[in-house]
Protein backbone atom coordinates (compact mmCIF):
# COMPACT_ATOMS: atom_id res chain seq x y z
CA MET A 1 -2.62 0.75 -4.23
CA SER A 2 -0.18 -0.09 -6.97
CA TYR A 3 1.20 -3.58 -7.37
CA GLN A 4 3.35 -2.84 -10.36
CA GLU A 5 6.25 -4.15 -8.33
CA THR A 6 6.51 -7.88 -7.76
CA THR A 7 4.71 -8.91 -4.58
CA GLN A 8 5.58 -12.30 -3.18
CA SER A 9 2.71 -14.35 -1.82
CA ARG A 10 2.70 -17.53 0.19
CA PHE A 11 3.02 -19.60 -2.97
CA THR A 12 6.32 -21.36 -3.53
CA SER A 13 6.47 -21.11 -7.31
CA GLY A 14 4.41 -18.03 -8.12
CA TYR A 15 3.70 -14.44 -7.16
CA VAL A 16 1.00 -11.81 -7.47
CA ARG A 17 1.32 -8.39 -9.08
CA THR A 18 -0.53 -5.90 -11.24
CA LEU A 19 -0.04 -6.20 -14.99
CA ARG A 20 1.15 -3.22 -16.96
CA GLN A 21 -1.72 -2.47 -19.31
CA GLN A 22 -0.39 -2.30 -22.85
CA GLU A 23 2.87 -4.20 -22.90
CA GLU A 24 1.56 -7.12 -20.84
CA LEU A 25 -1.74 -7.50 -22.65
CA PRO A 26 -0.65 -10.83 -24.20
CA LEU A 27 -0.27 -12.35 -20.72
CA LEU A 28 -3.94 -11.78 -19.88
CA ARG A 29 -5.10 -12.77 -23.35
CA ASP A 30 -3.14 -16.02 -23.31
CA HIS A 31 -4.40 -16.84 -19.82
CA LEU A 32 -8.02 -16.44 -20.88
CA LEU A 33 -7.42 -18.48 -24.02
CA ARG A 34 -5.94 -21.31 -21.92
CA LEU A 35 -9.06 -21.67 -19.80
CA ASP A 36 -10.69 -25.05 -20.31
CA PRO A 37 -14.23 -25.02 -21.78
CA ALA A 38 -15.95 -25.24 -18.37
CA SER A 39 -13.79 -22.46 -16.89
CA ARG A 40 -14.30 -20.28 -19.96
CA HIS A 41 -18.05 -20.78 -19.69
CA ASP A 42 -17.97 -19.88 -15.98
CA ARG A 43 -15.84 -16.80 -16.56
CA PHE A 44 -18.00 -15.33 -19.34
CA ASN A 45 -21.30 -17.03 -18.41
CA GLY A 46 -21.47 -18.73 -21.77
CA PHE A 47 -19.27 -20.08 -24.54
CA MET A 48 -17.03 -17.46 -26.13
CA ASP A 49 -14.72 -18.17 -29.05
CA ASP A 50 -11.08 -17.14 -29.28
CA SER A 51 -11.79 -14.01 -31.31
CA PHE A 52 -14.14 -12.69 -28.62
CA ILE A 53 -11.50 -13.26 -25.93
CA GLU A 54 -8.83 -11.49 -27.97
CA LYS A 55 -11.09 -8.46 -28.41
CA TYR A 56 -12.07 -8.57 -24.75
CA ALA A 57 -8.45 -8.56 -23.58
CA ALA A 58 -7.65 -5.67 -25.93
CA ARG A 59 -10.55 -3.67 -24.53
CA CYS A 60 -9.32 -4.27 -20.97
CA ALA A 61 -5.98 -2.75 -21.94
CA ASP A 62 -7.66 0.38 -23.34
CA ASP A 63 -10.45 1.14 -20.86
CA GLY A 64 -8.41 1.36 -17.65
CA THR A 65 -9.23 -2.08 -16.28
CA ILE A 66 -6.80 -3.08 -13.53
CA ILE A 67 -5.54 -6.65 -13.81
CA ILE A 68 -4.03 -8.30 -10.74
CA ALA A 69 -2.40 -11.53 -11.83
CA TYR A 70 -1.04 -14.68 -10.26
CA ILE A 71 2.05 -15.61 -12.28
CA GLU A 72 3.98 -18.88 -12.45
CA ASN A 73 7.02 -19.36 -14.68
CA GLY A 74 6.21 -16.24 -16.65
CA LEU A 75 2.58 -17.26 -17.34
CA VAL A 76 -0.55 -15.70 -15.87
CA ARG A 77 -2.45 -18.57 -14.26
CA GLY A 78 -5.06 -16.51 -12.46
CA ALA A 79 -6.43 -12.99 -12.89
CA ALA A 80 -8.63 -10.56 -10.97
CA GLU A 81 -10.15 -7.76 -13.03
CA LEU A 82 -11.29 -4.41 -11.65
CA HIS A 83 -13.32 -2.64 -14.34
CA PRO A 84 -13.85 1.14 -14.02
CA PRO A 85 -17.31 2.35 -12.97
CA ASP A 86 -17.90 4.32 -16.18
CA GLU A 87 -18.03 0.99 -18.02
CA SER A 88 -20.90 -0.23 -15.82
CA ALA A 89 -24.60 0.36 -16.33
CA ASP A 90 -25.23 1.02 -12.62
CA GLY A 91 -22.12 3.13 -12.03
CA LEU A 92 -20.39 0.52 -9.87
CA PRO A 93 -16.96 -0.86 -10.70
CA GLU A 94 -17.33 -4.50 -11.71
CA ILE A 95 -14.96 -7.30 -10.77
CA ALA A 96 -14.26 -10.65 -12.41
CA PHE A 97 -11.97 -13.60 -11.70
CA SER A 98 -10.47 -16.50 -13.60
CA VAL A 99 -8.15 -19.27 -12.38
CA GLU A 100 -6.71 -22.02 -14.52
CA ALA A 101 -7.34 -25.61 -13.48
CA VAL A 102 -3.63 -26.32 -12.88
CA VAL A 103 -3.52 -23.94 -9.89
CA ARG A 104 -6.97 -24.49 -8.42
CA ARG A 105 -7.46 -25.36 -4.73
CA GLN A 106 -4.27 -23.50 -3.76
CA GLY A 107 -5.89 -20.33 -2.46
CA VAL A 108 -5.16 -18.38 -5.63
CA GLY A 109 -8.70 -17.01 -5.88
CA SER A 110 -8.70 -15.79 -2.27
CA ILE A 111 -5.33 -14.06 -2.64
CA LEU A 112 -6.46 -12.32 -5.82
CA PHE A 113 -9.74 -11.30 -4.21
CA LYS A 114 -7.95 -9.73 -1.23
CA ARG A 115 -5.53 -7.81 -3.43
CA LEU A 116 -8.33 -6.56 -5.65
CA ILE A 117 -10.32 -5.29 -2.65
CA GLN A 118 -7.21 -3.46 -1.40
CA GLU A 119 -6.81 -1.83 -4.80
CA ALA A 120 -10.48 -0.83 -4.91
CA ARG A 121 -10.29 0.76 -1.47
CA TRP A 122 -7.16 2.67 -2.43
CA LYS A 123 -9.03 4.07 -5.43
CA GLY A 124 -11.81 5.24 -3.11
CA TYR A 125 -14.56 2.87 -4.24
CA ASP A 126 -17.34 2.24 -1.70
CA ALA A 127 -18.82 -0.83 -3.38
CA LEU A 128 -18.13 -3.37 -6.10
CA ARG A 129 -20.40 -5.43 -8.32
CA ILE A 130 -19.75 -9.05 -9.18
CA THR A 131 -21.61 -11.11 -11.76
CA THR A 132 -21.09 -14.80 -12.34
CA GLY A 133 -22.94 -17.76 -13.75
CA ALA A 134 -25.46 -19.35 -11.43
CA GLN A 135 -23.66 -22.67 -11.85
CA ASN A 136 -20.24 -21.26 -10.86
CA GLN A 137 -20.22 -22.64 -7.33
CA SER A 138 -16.59 -21.81 -6.56
CA MET A 139 -16.97 -18.15 -7.48
CA ARG A 140 -20.22 -17.86 -5.57
CA ALA A 141 -18.53 -19.31 -2.49
CA LEU A 142 -15.59 -16.95 -2.87
CA ALA A 143 -17.86 -13.94 -3.28
CA ASN A 144 -19.87 -14.91 -0.19
CA LYS A 145 -16.63 -15.26 1.77
CA PHE A 146 -15.90 -11.59 1.11
CA GLY A 147 -19.35 -10.33 1.99
CA ALA A 148 -21.17 -10.34 -1.35
CA HIS A 149 -24.93 -10.82 -1.26
CA LEU A 150 -25.85 -12.60 -4.47
CA THR A 151 -29.21 -12.79 -6.18
CA PHE A 152 -30.17 -15.05 -9.08
CA ARG A 153 -31.65 -13.75 -12.29
CA HIS A 154 -31.71 -15.03 -15.87
CA GLY A 155 -29.09 -17.69 -15.15
CA GLU A 156 -26.71 -15.26 -13.44
CA SER A 157 -25.67 -14.55 -9.87
CA THR A 158 -25.25 -10.83 -9.28
CA GLY A 159 -24.30 -9.08 -6.08
CA ASN A 160 -22.56 -6.13 -4.47
CA ILE A 161 -19.66 -6.01 -2.03
CA ASP A 162 -19.87 -3.14 0.44
CA LEU A 163 -16.24 -2.13 0.99
CA LYS A 164 -17.17 -0.11 4.07
CA GLN A 165 -18.43 -3.28 5.75
CA THR A 166 -15.93 -5.84 4.45
CA PRO A 167 -13.34 -5.33 7.25
CA GLN A 168 -15.94 -6.21 9.88
CA VAL A 169 -17.03 -9.22 7.85
CA GLU A 170 -13.45 -10.46 7.61
CA LEU A 171 -12.85 -9.99 11.36
CA ALA A 172 -16.04 -11.84 12.21
CA ARG A 173 -15.07 -14.75 9.98
CA LEU A 174 -11.61 -14.81 11.56
CA ALA A 175 -13.14 -15.05 15.01
CA ILE A 176 -15.33 -17.94 13.90
CA ALA A 177 -12.50 -19.74 12.10
CA ALA A 178 -9.96 -19.19 14.87
CA PRO A 179 -11.79 -18.90 18.21
CA ALA A 180 -8.63 -19.68 20.20
CA GLU A 181 -6.86 -16.63 18.76
CA ALA A 182 -9.88 -14.44 19.42
CA THR A 183 -10.08 -15.69 23.03
CA ARG A 184 -6.40 -15.01 23.64
CA ALA A 185 -6.81 -11.48 22.31
CA MET A 186 -9.76 -10.87 24.65
CA VAL A 187 -7.88 -12.22 27.69
CA SER A 188 -4.91 -10.02 26.87
CA LEU A 189 -7.16 -6.97 26.56
CA ASN A 190 -8.83 -7.68 29.92
CA ARG A 191 -5.46 -8.16 31.61
CA GLU A 192 -4.22 -4.80 30.39
CA TYR A 193 -7.47 -3.14 31.48
CA TRP A 194 -7.25 -4.40 35.07
CA LYS A 195 -3.55 -3.56 35.26
CA LEU A 196 -4.28 0.04 34.28
CA LEU A 197 -7.22 0.24 36.70
CA LEU A 198 -5.09 -0.95 39.65
CA GLN A 199 -2.37 1.55 38.79
CA LEU A 200 -4.85 4.41 38.73
CA SER A 201 -6.31 3.38 42.11
CA GLY A 202 -2.92 3.30 43.79
CA TRP A 203 -2.41 -0.46 43.99
CA GLY A 204 1.02 -1.68 43.12
CA ARG A 205 2.79 1.61 43.84
CA THR A 206 6.02 1.45 45.77
CA ALA A 207 6.21 3.27 49.13
């Protein structure tokens, strides 16, 4: 699914869309360079200097990585990266996220995660791999929300997201988070069932 066009989200001052690889490379690079030290450490699971980030952003532009960005006032403030499977040791496309402190706790990470999963499904991927630092609590919580099963090893949290199962996971979480809506849907379904059954048995027909 292409998001080259601007896609409005529920944010009042920003929007989400896919970056064009070459010409918009500076937007991703500058976003990663703006990350505060703790966020930079979480994103790359260690301290990386500016030169590393510049080379990393350039590589993303050349290897087919898809960047879905949250943009405010012309600046990328959050990014979701979908790296192609041929760049991964286990053959799974890898995903990564980064959100600047100024837009945290606004649902930016969740919106980016949803859009990235849509893109991955459109490309026909069955699973995704996510790797984050063991201390990155926010990313671990976000990954768990979307069905990732993380394991800890050598200071990292690594897990897979089964895209074939994610829709059921999301529906189950919706039912838990909004039981009233789920109950209303069930009542409506039962009502329609009995209405159809009575019609088939002859009840309610006019003479």
